[in-house]
Amino acid sequence: ETQMNEIVIAEAVRSAVGRGHKGTLSTKRPDELAADVLRGLIARVNRPPDQGGPLWLLEPQTYMNLSGQSVAALARFFKIAPDEILVVHDELDLPPGQMRLKQGGGAAGHNGLKDIHARLGSPDFWRLRLGIGHPGSRDEVVDYVLRKPAPDDRTAIEDCVSRSLASLEPVLAGDMTRAMMALHKKPGPAAP
């Protein structure tokens, strides 16, 4: 089983669940994207009660395809509805540096999303999809997400993580329309 990453942020927003590889603080491979975003959230979302209260953070120690176990347990314990959850994950179907925020939908082959859907009993959670690009062949996907990206892709992916963190205020406030406007902007050309 391949260990991949995703992050879950819940209830406008009180909880974040993230999977990552231990011992790394920088994005070295596309499958480590979510861990970098989660580490950025730890410092950004420790809010007082009058500003939404605490953000619960959880880093499951399961394989990616069992992520729903922790997400569902957290959701049940804190009475968090599926539509109050945001999952941040790497996305093969978007080019490096692009991201999209959406609610619901299919898993597009992402086993972590499949398990979260199954255990929550609903696909209605929010997803922040961070583009890592596709290797071109389905047979190369596992190796692709586990190896270091090309330098240009790595720069675009790191910029995507930074822009997602800078745009999280409306997400955390539950203003998804404003969040989409900020997050769906395509990155500008690199400075010479």
N, C-alpha and C. Protein backbone atom coordinates (compact mmCIF):
# COMPACT_ATOMS: atom_id res chain seq x y z
N GLU A 1 0.85 -1.18 0.00
CA GLU A 1 0.00 0.00 0.00
C GLU A 1 0.89 1.24 0.00
N THR A 2 0.51 2.21 -0.78
CA THR A 2 1.27 3.45 -0.87
C THR A 2 0.75 4.44 0.14
N GLN A 3 1.65 5.08 0.89
CA GLN A 3 1.23 6.12 1.81
C GLN A 3 1.21 7.44 1.07
N MET A 4 0.06 8.05 0.98
CA MET A 4 -0.10 9.35 0.34
C MET A 4 -0.62 10.29 1.41
N ASN A 5 -0.80 11.55 1.06
CA ASN A 5 -1.19 12.55 2.03
C ASN A 5 -2.46 13.25 1.66
N GLU A 6 -3.17 13.64 2.66
CA GLU A 6 -4.25 14.59 2.51
C GLU A 6 -4.44 15.26 3.85
N ILE A 7 -5.08 16.38 3.79
CA ILE A 7 -5.37 17.15 5.00
C ILE A 7 -6.85 17.36 5.04
N VAL A 8 -7.40 17.34 6.20
CA VAL A 8 -8.81 17.61 6.35
C VAL A 8 -8.95 18.78 7.31
N ILE A 9 -9.72 19.76 6.90
CA ILE A 9 -10.04 20.89 7.75
C ILE A 9 -11.55 20.87 7.89
N ALA A 10 -12.04 21.06 9.08
CA ALA A 10 -13.47 20.88 9.27
C ALA A 10 -14.13 22.06 9.95
N GLU A 11 -15.41 22.15 9.74
CA GLU A 11 -16.38 23.07 10.33
C GLU A 11 -15.90 24.51 10.38
N ALA A 12 -16.05 25.21 9.41
CA ALA A 12 -15.82 26.66 9.18
C ALA A 12 -14.94 27.32 10.19
N VAL A 13 -13.96 26.92 10.50
CA VAL A 13 -13.28 25.64 10.39
C VAL A 13 -12.71 25.34 11.76
N ARG A 14 -13.02 24.16 12.33
CA ARG A 14 -12.57 23.84 13.68
C ARG A 14 -11.59 22.69 13.71
N SER A 15 -11.37 22.00 12.61
CA SER A 15 -10.54 20.81 12.68
C SER A 15 -9.73 20.62 11.41
N ALA A 16 -8.50 20.17 11.58
CA ALA A 16 -7.67 19.79 10.44
C ALA A 16 -7.07 18.42 10.71
N VAL A 17 -7.15 17.56 9.73
CA VAL A 17 -6.57 16.24 9.82
C VAL A 17 -5.59 16.13 8.67
N GLY A 18 -4.37 15.75 8.94
CA GLY A 18 -3.39 15.65 7.87
C GLY A 18 -2.55 14.41 7.98
N ARG A 19 -2.16 13.89 6.84
CA ARG A 19 -1.25 12.75 6.80
C ARG A 19 0.03 13.23 6.15
N GLY A 20 1.12 12.84 6.71
CA GLY A 20 2.39 13.22 6.12
C GLY A 20 3.46 12.23 6.49
N HIS A 21 4.61 12.43 5.92
CA HIS A 21 5.75 11.60 6.24
C HIS A 21 6.49 12.23 7.40
N LYS A 22 6.89 11.43 8.35
CA LYS A 22 7.59 11.94 9.52
C LYS A 22 8.96 12.47 9.13
N GLY A 23 9.38 13.53 9.82
CA GLY A 23 10.74 14.02 9.68
C GLY A 23 10.99 14.95 8.52
N THR A 24 9.98 15.38 7.79
CA THR A 24 10.21 16.30 6.69
C THR A 24 9.42 17.57 6.91
N LEU A 25 10.04 18.70 6.68
CA LEU A 25 9.35 19.97 6.82
C LEU A 25 9.27 20.71 5.50
N SER A 26 9.68 20.09 4.42
CA SER A 26 9.60 20.76 3.13
C SER A 26 9.06 19.79 2.09
N THR A 27 8.47 20.35 1.05
CA THR A 27 7.90 19.52 -0.01
C THR A 27 9.04 18.99 -0.86
N LYS A 28 9.29 17.71 -0.72
CA LYS A 28 10.31 17.06 -1.52
C LYS A 28 9.67 16.26 -2.65
N ARG A 29 8.47 15.73 -2.39
CA ARG A 29 7.76 14.94 -3.38
C ARG A 29 6.32 15.42 -3.41
N PRO A 30 5.63 15.22 -4.53
CA PRO A 30 4.23 15.66 -4.61
C PRO A 30 3.34 15.05 -3.54
N ASP A 31 3.63 13.83 -3.10
CA ASP A 31 2.77 13.21 -2.10
C ASP A 31 2.96 13.81 -0.72
N GLU A 32 3.88 14.75 -0.56
CA GLU A 32 4.11 15.41 0.72
C GLU A 32 3.46 16.79 0.79
N LEU A 33 2.74 17.17 -0.27
CA LEU A 33 2.09 18.48 -0.33
C LEU A 33 1.20 18.77 0.87
N ALA A 34 0.33 17.85 1.16
CA ALA A 34 -0.65 18.09 2.22
C ALA A 34 0.02 18.28 3.56
N ALA A 35 1.09 17.56 3.83
CA ALA A 35 1.80 17.72 5.09
C ALA A 35 2.35 19.13 5.22
N ASP A 36 2.86 19.70 4.13
CA ASP A 36 3.37 21.06 4.17
C ASP A 36 2.26 22.06 4.46
N VAL A 37 1.10 21.87 3.86
CA VAL A 37 -0.02 22.78 4.12
C VAL A 37 -0.44 22.66 5.58
N LEU A 38 -0.53 21.44 6.10
CA LEU A 38 -0.93 21.23 7.49
C LEU A 38 0.06 21.92 8.42
N ARG A 39 1.34 21.77 8.17
CA ARG A 39 2.32 22.41 9.04
C ARG A 39 2.18 23.92 8.99
N GLY A 40 1.81 24.47 7.85
CA GLY A 40 1.56 25.90 7.76
C GLY A 40 0.32 26.31 8.53
N LEU A 41 -0.68 25.43 8.56
CA LEU A 41 -1.92 25.73 9.27
C LEU A 41 -1.73 25.75 10.78
N ILE A 42 -0.84 24.95 11.29
CA ILE A 42 -0.66 24.86 12.73
C ILE A 42 -0.36 26.25 13.29
N ALA A 43 0.45 27.00 12.62
CA ALA A 43 0.81 28.33 13.09
C ALA A 43 -0.25 29.37 12.77
N ARG A 44 -1.07 29.13 11.76
CA ARG A 44 -2.00 30.14 11.29
C ARG A 44 -3.40 30.07 11.90
N VAL A 45 -3.81 28.98 12.46
CA VAL A 45 -5.22 28.80 12.76
C VAL A 45 -5.49 28.53 14.24
N ASN A 46 -4.59 28.91 15.10
CA ASN A 46 -4.82 28.76 16.53
C ASN A 46 -5.58 29.99 17.00
N ARG A 47 -6.93 29.95 16.88
CA ARG A 47 -7.77 31.13 17.07
C ARG A 47 -8.45 31.15 18.44
N PRO A 48 -8.68 32.35 18.98
CA PRO A 48 -9.44 32.45 20.23
C PRO A 48 -10.91 32.14 19.98
N PRO A 49 -11.67 31.85 21.06
CA PRO A 49 -13.08 31.47 20.91
C PRO A 49 -13.93 32.48 20.16
N ASP A 50 -13.67 33.79 20.33
CA ASP A 50 -14.49 34.79 19.65
C ASP A 50 -14.20 34.89 18.16
N GLN A 51 -13.18 34.16 17.68
CA GLN A 51 -12.84 34.16 16.25
C GLN A 51 -12.98 32.77 15.65
N GLY A 52 -13.87 31.98 16.21
CA GLY A 52 -14.13 30.66 15.64
C GLY A 52 -13.66 29.52 16.50
N GLY A 53 -12.92 29.81 17.53
CA GLY A 53 -12.47 28.75 18.44
C GLY A 53 -11.30 27.96 17.90
N PRO A 54 -10.93 26.92 18.63
CA PRO A 54 -9.75 26.15 18.24
C PRO A 54 -9.96 25.37 16.94
N LEU A 55 -8.86 25.13 16.29
CA LEU A 55 -8.86 24.28 15.09
C LEU A 55 -8.22 22.97 15.52
N TRP A 56 -8.98 21.90 15.48
CA TRP A 56 -8.49 20.60 15.91
C TRP A 56 -7.61 20.00 14.83
N LEU A 57 -6.40 19.61 15.19
CA LEU A 57 -5.45 19.03 14.24
C LEU A 57 -5.25 17.56 14.56
N LEU A 58 -5.24 16.74 13.53
CA LEU A 58 -5.05 15.31 13.70
C LEU A 58 -4.20 14.81 12.56
N GLU A 59 -3.16 14.04 12.85
CA GLU A 59 -2.35 13.43 11.81
C GLU A 59 -2.49 11.92 11.91
N PRO A 60 -3.37 11.34 11.08
CA PRO A 60 -3.58 9.89 11.13
C PRO A 60 -2.29 9.13 10.84
N GLN A 61 -2.15 8.01 11.49
CA GLN A 61 -0.99 7.14 11.27
C GLN A 61 -1.37 5.93 10.43
N THR A 62 -2.45 6.06 9.67
CA THR A 62 -2.91 4.98 8.81
C THR A 62 -2.36 5.16 7.40
N TYR A 63 -2.54 4.15 6.58
CA TYR A 63 -2.26 4.30 5.16
C TYR A 63 -3.29 5.26 4.58
N MET A 64 -2.92 5.89 3.48
CA MET A 64 -3.80 6.86 2.83
C MET A 64 -5.18 6.28 2.57
N ASN A 65 -5.25 5.03 2.14
CA ASN A 65 -6.55 4.48 1.77
C ASN A 65 -7.42 4.14 2.98
N LEU A 66 -6.95 4.45 4.19
CA LEU A 66 -7.74 4.28 5.41
C LEU A 66 -7.96 5.61 6.12
N SER A 67 -7.76 6.71 5.44
CA SER A 67 -7.87 8.05 6.03
C SER A 67 -9.24 8.32 6.63
N GLY A 68 -10.26 7.73 6.06
CA GLY A 68 -11.61 7.97 6.53
C GLY A 68 -11.84 7.52 7.97
N GLN A 69 -11.05 6.57 8.46
CA GLN A 69 -11.20 6.12 9.85
C GLN A 69 -11.06 7.31 10.80
N SER A 70 -9.97 8.04 10.67
CA SER A 70 -9.71 9.17 11.57
C SER A 70 -10.67 10.32 11.32
N VAL A 71 -10.94 10.60 10.06
CA VAL A 71 -11.82 11.72 9.72
C VAL A 71 -13.21 11.47 10.30
N ALA A 72 -13.73 10.26 10.10
CA ALA A 72 -15.07 9.95 10.60
C ALA A 72 -15.12 9.96 12.12
N ALA A 73 -14.08 9.45 12.77
CA ALA A 73 -14.07 9.46 14.24
C ALA A 73 -14.07 10.89 14.76
N LEU A 74 -13.27 11.76 14.16
CA LEU A 74 -13.23 13.16 14.56
C LEU A 74 -14.57 13.84 14.31
N ALA A 75 -15.14 13.58 13.15
CA ALA A 75 -16.43 14.19 12.80
C ALA A 75 -17.53 13.75 13.76
N ARG A 76 -17.55 12.46 14.10
CA ARG A 76 -18.56 11.98 15.05
C ARG A 76 -18.37 12.60 16.43
N PHE A 77 -17.13 12.61 16.92
CA PHE A 77 -16.86 13.10 18.27
C PHE A 77 -17.22 14.57 18.43
N PHE A 78 -16.85 15.40 17.43
CA PHE A 78 -17.10 16.84 17.51
C PHE A 78 -18.38 17.27 16.79
N LYS A 79 -19.15 16.28 16.31
CA LYS A 79 -20.43 16.55 15.62
C LYS A 79 -20.23 17.50 14.44
N ILE A 80 -19.30 17.13 13.57
CA ILE A 80 -18.96 17.92 12.39
C ILE A 80 -19.61 17.26 11.17
N ALA A 81 -20.42 18.00 10.46
CA ALA A 81 -21.10 17.49 9.27
C ALA A 81 -20.13 17.40 8.09
N PRO A 82 -20.38 16.50 7.14
CA PRO A 82 -19.49 16.40 5.97
C PRO A 82 -19.29 17.73 5.24
N ASP A 83 -20.33 18.56 5.14
CA ASP A 83 -20.17 19.82 4.41
C ASP A 83 -19.41 20.87 5.22
N GLU A 84 -18.95 20.51 6.41
CA GLU A 84 -18.11 21.39 7.23
C GLU A 84 -16.65 20.92 7.23
N ILE A 85 -16.33 20.01 6.33
CA ILE A 85 -14.99 19.43 6.25
C ILE A 85 -14.34 19.83 4.93
N LEU A 86 -13.07 20.18 5.00
CA LEU A 86 -12.27 20.48 3.81
C LEU A 86 -11.09 19.54 3.78
N VAL A 87 -10.94 18.81 2.69
CA VAL A 87 -9.82 17.91 2.49
C VAL A 87 -8.88 18.58 1.50
N VAL A 88 -7.63 18.73 1.87
CA VAL A 88 -6.62 19.30 0.98
C VAL A 88 -5.76 18.15 0.50
N HIS A 89 -5.63 18.01 -0.83
CA HIS A 89 -4.89 16.86 -1.35
C HIS A 89 -4.20 17.19 -2.66
N ASP A 90 -3.21 16.36 -2.99
CA ASP A 90 -2.53 16.47 -4.26
C ASP A 90 -3.48 16.01 -5.37
N GLU A 91 -3.38 16.66 -6.52
CA GLU A 91 -4.31 16.39 -7.62
C GLU A 91 -3.56 16.18 -8.92
N LEU A 92 -3.60 14.96 -9.43
CA LEU A 92 -2.94 14.63 -10.69
C LEU A 92 -3.56 15.33 -11.89
N ASP A 93 -4.86 15.63 -11.83
CA ASP A 93 -5.57 16.18 -12.98
C ASP A 93 -5.42 17.69 -13.14
N LEU A 94 -4.63 18.33 -12.28
CA LEU A 94 -4.33 19.75 -12.43
C LEU A 94 -2.83 19.92 -12.63
N PRO A 95 -2.43 20.86 -13.49
CA PRO A 95 -0.99 21.08 -13.69
C PRO A 95 -0.35 21.63 -12.42
N PRO A 96 0.95 21.40 -12.25
CA PRO A 96 1.63 21.93 -11.08
C PRO A 96 1.41 23.44 -10.96
N GLY A 97 1.07 23.87 -9.75
CA GLY A 97 0.87 25.30 -9.50
C GLY A 97 -0.58 25.75 -9.55
N GLN A 98 -1.48 24.92 -10.07
CA GLN A 98 -2.89 25.29 -10.08
C GLN A 98 -3.61 24.59 -8.93
N MET A 99 -4.69 25.21 -8.46
CA MET A 99 -5.50 24.60 -7.41
C MET A 99 -6.95 24.93 -7.65
N ARG A 100 -7.81 24.10 -7.12
CA ARG A 100 -9.25 24.29 -7.25
C ARG A 100 -9.92 23.89 -5.96
N LEU A 101 -10.92 24.67 -5.58
CA LEU A 101 -11.74 24.39 -4.41
C LEU A 101 -13.11 23.97 -4.92
N LYS A 102 -13.62 22.85 -4.41
CA LYS A 102 -14.95 22.42 -4.82
C LYS A 102 -15.58 21.62 -3.69
N GLN A 103 -16.90 21.50 -3.76
CA GLN A 103 -17.61 20.69 -2.79
C GLN A 103 -18.15 19.45 -3.49
N GLY A 104 -17.99 18.31 -2.84
CA GLY A 104 -18.53 17.07 -3.37
C GLY A 104 -17.79 16.58 -4.59
N GLY A 105 -18.39 15.60 -5.23
CA GLY A 105 -17.80 15.04 -6.44
C GLY A 105 -17.22 13.67 -6.18
N GLY A 106 -16.65 13.12 -7.23
CA GLY A 106 -16.06 11.79 -7.16
C GLY A 106 -14.64 11.83 -6.61
N ALA A 107 -14.07 10.65 -6.44
CA ALA A 107 -12.73 10.53 -5.88
C ALA A 107 -11.64 10.56 -6.94
N ALA A 108 -12.00 10.42 -8.21
CA ALA A 108 -11.03 10.41 -9.31
C ALA A 108 -9.87 9.45 -9.04
N GLY A 109 -10.17 8.30 -8.45
CA GLY A 109 -9.15 7.30 -8.20
C GLY A 109 -8.33 7.51 -6.94
N HIS A 110 -8.60 8.58 -6.20
CA HIS A 110 -7.84 8.89 -4.97
C HIS A 110 -8.42 8.05 -3.84
N ASN A 111 -7.65 7.06 -3.38
CA ASN A 111 -8.17 6.12 -2.40
C ASN A 111 -8.47 6.76 -1.04
N GLY A 112 -7.74 7.79 -0.67
CA GLY A 112 -8.04 8.50 0.57
C GLY A 112 -9.40 9.16 0.52
N LEU A 113 -9.70 9.81 -0.61
CA LEU A 113 -11.02 10.44 -0.77
C LEU A 113 -12.13 9.40 -0.78
N LYS A 114 -11.88 8.25 -1.43
CA LYS A 114 -12.88 7.17 -1.46
C LYS A 114 -13.22 6.72 -0.04
N ASP A 115 -12.18 6.56 0.80
CA ASP A 115 -12.41 6.08 2.15
C ASP A 115 -13.11 7.13 3.02
N ILE A 116 -12.74 8.39 2.85
CA ILE A 116 -13.42 9.46 3.59
C ILE A 116 -14.90 9.49 3.22
N HIS A 117 -15.19 9.42 1.93
CA HIS A 117 -16.58 9.40 1.46
C HIS A 117 -17.33 8.22 2.08
N ALA A 118 -16.74 7.04 2.02
CA ALA A 118 -17.40 5.84 2.52
C ALA A 118 -17.67 5.94 4.02
N ARG A 119 -16.72 6.42 4.78
CA ARG A 119 -16.87 6.43 6.24
C ARG A 119 -17.72 7.59 6.74
N LEU A 120 -17.75 8.69 5.99
CA LEU A 120 -18.65 9.78 6.36
C LEU A 120 -20.06 9.51 5.87
N GLY A 121 -20.17 8.65 4.86
CA GLY A 121 -21.48 8.36 4.28
C GLY A 121 -21.96 9.45 3.34
N SER A 122 -21.05 10.30 2.90
CA SER A 122 -21.41 11.41 2.03
C SER A 122 -20.18 11.91 1.27
N PRO A 123 -20.36 12.33 0.02
CA PRO A 123 -19.27 12.94 -0.73
C PRO A 123 -19.27 14.47 -0.59
N ASP A 124 -20.11 15.02 0.28
CA ASP A 124 -20.35 16.46 0.32
C ASP A 124 -19.31 17.29 1.06
N PHE A 125 -18.15 16.71 1.36
CA PHE A 125 -17.09 17.50 1.98
C PHE A 125 -16.39 18.35 0.93
N TRP A 126 -15.77 19.43 1.38
CA TRP A 126 -15.03 20.33 0.48
C TRP A 126 -13.66 19.74 0.19
N ARG A 127 -13.14 20.06 -1.00
CA ARG A 127 -11.81 19.59 -1.40
C ARG A 127 -11.01 20.77 -1.95
N LEU A 128 -9.81 20.92 -1.45
CA LEU A 128 -8.86 21.86 -2.04
C LEU A 128 -7.83 21.00 -2.76
N ARG A 129 -7.92 21.02 -4.08
CA ARG A 129 -7.10 20.17 -4.94
C ARG A 129 -5.87 20.95 -5.38
N LEU A 130 -4.68 20.51 -4.97
CA LEU A 130 -3.42 21.17 -5.31
C LEU A 130 -2.75 20.41 -6.44
N GLY A 131 -2.62 21.05 -7.59
CA GLY A 131 -2.12 20.39 -8.79
C GLY A 131 -0.67 19.96 -8.71
N ILE A 132 -0.43 18.72 -9.11
CA ILE A 132 0.94 18.20 -9.21
C ILE A 132 1.23 17.71 -10.63
N GLY A 133 0.22 17.75 -11.51
CA GLY A 133 0.41 17.26 -12.88
C GLY A 133 0.30 15.74 -12.94
N HIS A 134 0.27 15.23 -14.14
CA HIS A 134 0.11 13.79 -14.39
C HIS A 134 1.30 13.30 -15.19
N PRO A 135 1.79 12.09 -14.90
CA PRO A 135 2.96 11.59 -15.64
C PRO A 135 2.65 11.22 -17.08
N GLY A 136 1.36 11.12 -17.44
CA GLY A 136 0.99 10.79 -18.81
C GLY A 136 0.49 9.38 -18.97
N SER A 137 0.91 8.49 -18.09
CA SER A 137 0.47 7.10 -18.14
C SER A 137 -0.01 6.67 -16.76
N ARG A 138 -1.14 6.01 -16.75
CA ARG A 138 -1.72 5.53 -15.48
C ARG A 138 -0.76 4.61 -14.74
N ASP A 139 0.02 3.83 -15.49
CA ASP A 139 0.96 2.89 -14.88
C ASP A 139 2.10 3.58 -14.14
N GLU A 140 2.33 4.86 -14.41
CA GLU A 140 3.44 5.58 -13.79
C GLU A 140 3.02 6.43 -12.59
N VAL A 141 1.73 6.44 -12.25
CA VAL A 141 1.22 7.34 -11.22
C VAL A 141 1.89 7.13 -9.86
N VAL A 142 1.96 5.88 -9.37
CA VAL A 142 2.52 5.63 -8.04
C VAL A 142 3.96 6.12 -7.97
N ASP A 143 4.77 5.75 -8.95
CA ASP A 143 6.17 6.22 -8.95
C ASP A 143 6.25 7.73 -9.07
N TYR A 144 5.36 8.31 -9.85
CA TYR A 144 5.36 9.76 -10.07
C TYR A 144 5.14 10.54 -8.77
N VAL A 145 4.16 10.13 -7.98
CA VAL A 145 3.87 10.88 -6.75
C VAL A 145 4.90 10.61 -5.66
N LEU A 146 5.68 9.55 -5.80
CA LEU A 146 6.67 9.22 -4.78
C LEU A 146 8.08 9.73 -5.10
N ARG A 147 8.28 10.30 -6.27
CA ARG A 147 9.62 10.82 -6.58
C ARG A 147 9.61 12.34 -6.56
N LYS A 148 10.79 12.91 -6.45
CA LYS A 148 10.91 14.36 -6.44
C LYS A 148 10.47 14.91 -7.79
N PRO A 149 9.72 16.01 -7.79
CA PRO A 149 9.30 16.60 -9.06
C PRO A 149 10.48 17.30 -9.75
N ALA A 150 10.32 17.54 -11.04
CA ALA A 150 11.32 18.31 -11.79
C ALA A 150 11.42 19.69 -11.16
N PRO A 151 12.56 20.36 -11.27
CA PRO A 151 12.75 21.67 -10.62
C PRO A 151 11.65 22.69 -10.92
N ASP A 152 11.23 22.81 -12.19
CA ASP A 152 10.16 23.77 -12.51
C ASP A 152 8.84 23.38 -11.86
N ASP A 153 8.52 22.08 -11.86
CA ASP A 153 7.30 21.61 -11.21
C ASP A 153 7.37 21.83 -9.71
N ARG A 154 8.53 21.57 -9.14
CA ARG A 154 8.71 21.75 -7.70
C ARG A 154 8.46 23.20 -7.30
N THR A 155 9.00 24.13 -8.07
CA THR A 155 8.80 25.56 -7.80
C THR A 155 7.32 25.91 -7.88
N ALA A 156 6.64 25.40 -8.90
CA ALA A 156 5.21 25.67 -9.06
C ALA A 156 4.40 25.07 -7.91
N ILE A 157 4.76 23.87 -7.49
CA ILE A 157 4.05 23.20 -6.39
C ILE A 157 4.28 23.95 -5.08
N GLU A 158 5.51 24.35 -4.81
CA GLU A 158 5.79 25.10 -3.59
C GLU A 158 5.06 26.44 -3.58
N ASP A 159 5.00 27.09 -4.74
CA ASP A 159 4.25 28.34 -4.84
C ASP A 159 2.77 28.11 -4.59
N CYS A 160 2.25 27.00 -5.09
CA CYS A 160 0.84 26.64 -4.88
C CYS A 160 0.56 26.47 -3.38
N VAL A 161 1.44 25.80 -2.67
CA VAL A 161 1.27 25.62 -1.22
C VAL A 161 1.26 26.99 -0.54
N SER A 162 2.20 27.86 -0.90
CA SER A 162 2.26 29.20 -0.30
C SER A 162 1.00 30.00 -0.58
N ARG A 163 0.54 29.97 -1.84
CA ARG A 163 -0.68 30.72 -2.19
C ARG A 163 -1.91 30.16 -1.49
N SER A 164 -1.96 28.84 -1.31
CA SER A 164 -3.11 28.26 -0.61
C SER A 164 -3.12 28.72 0.85
N LEU A 165 -1.97 28.77 1.49
CA LEU A 165 -1.91 29.24 2.87
C LEU A 165 -2.30 30.71 2.97
N ALA A 166 -1.85 31.51 2.02
CA ALA A 166 -2.17 32.94 2.03
C ALA A 166 -3.65 33.19 1.77
N SER A 167 -4.34 32.23 1.16
CA SER A 167 -5.76 32.39 0.81
C SER A 167 -6.71 31.68 1.76
N LEU A 168 -6.21 31.18 2.87
CA LEU A 168 -7.05 30.37 3.74
C LEU A 168 -8.02 31.16 4.62
N GLU A 169 -7.82 32.44 4.80
CA GLU A 169 -8.70 33.21 5.68
C GLU A 169 -10.18 33.04 5.30
N PRO A 170 -10.56 33.24 4.02
CA PRO A 170 -11.98 33.05 3.71
C PRO A 170 -12.44 31.60 3.85
N VAL A 171 -11.57 30.63 3.62
CA VAL A 171 -11.94 29.22 3.80
C VAL A 171 -12.26 28.99 5.27
N LEU A 172 -11.39 29.45 6.14
CA LEU A 172 -11.57 29.23 7.57
C LEU A 172 -12.80 29.95 8.10
N ALA A 173 -13.16 31.05 7.46
CA ALA A 173 -14.36 31.80 7.84
C ALA A 173 -15.63 31.21 7.22
N GLY A 174 -15.48 30.23 6.33
CA GLY A 174 -16.63 29.63 5.69
C GLY A 174 -17.13 30.39 4.47
N ASP A 175 -16.38 31.40 4.01
CA ASP A 175 -16.76 32.19 2.83
C ASP A 175 -16.13 31.53 1.60
N MET A 176 -16.75 30.43 1.16
CA MET A 176 -16.17 29.63 0.07
C MET A 176 -16.19 30.35 -1.27
N THR A 177 -17.14 31.24 -1.50
CA THR A 177 -17.16 31.98 -2.76
C THR A 177 -15.93 32.88 -2.85
N ARG A 178 -15.65 33.62 -1.79
CA ARG A 178 -14.46 34.47 -1.78
C ARG A 178 -13.19 33.62 -1.85
N ALA A 179 -13.20 32.49 -1.18
CA ALA A 179 -12.05 31.59 -1.22
C ALA A 179 -11.79 31.09 -2.63
N MET A 180 -12.86 30.71 -3.34
CA MET A 180 -12.69 30.24 -4.72
C MET A 180 -12.09 31.32 -5.60
N MET A 181 -12.56 32.55 -5.42
CA MET A 181 -12.01 33.65 -6.24
C MET A 181 -10.51 33.79 -6.00
N ALA A 182 -10.07 33.68 -4.78
CA ALA A 182 -8.65 33.82 -4.46
C ALA A 182 -7.85 32.60 -4.91
N LEU A 183 -8.39 31.40 -4.68
CA LEU A 183 -7.64 30.19 -4.96
C LEU A 183 -7.60 29.79 -6.42
N HIS A 184 -8.61 30.18 -7.20
CA HIS A 184 -8.68 29.73 -8.59
C HIS A 184 -7.86 30.61 -9.54
N LYS A 185 -7.25 31.65 -9.02
CA LYS A 185 -6.38 32.47 -9.88
C LYS A 185 -5.23 31.63 -10.37
N LYS A 186 -4.96 31.71 -11.66
CA LYS A 186 -3.79 30.99 -12.19
C LYS A 186 -2.54 31.78 -11.82
N PRO A 187 -1.47 31.05 -11.52
CA PRO A 187 -0.24 31.74 -11.15
C PRO A 187 0.29 32.57 -12.32
N GLY A 188 0.85 33.73 -12.00
CA GLY A 188 1.44 34.58 -13.03
C GLY A 188 2.76 34.01 -13.50
N PRO A 189 3.32 34.59 -14.57
CA PRO A 189 4.62 34.12 -15.06
C PRO A 189 5.71 34.37 -14.02
N ALA A 190 6.69 33.51 -14.03
CA ALA A 190 7.81 33.64 -13.09
C ALA A 190 8.59 34.92 -13.40
N ALA A 191 9.09 35.53 -12.35
CA ALA A 191 9.89 36.75 -12.51
C ALA A 191 11.23 36.38 -13.16
N PRO A 192 11.72 37.24 -14.06
CA PRO A 192 13.00 36.92 -14.72
C PRO A 192 14.17 37.05 -13.77
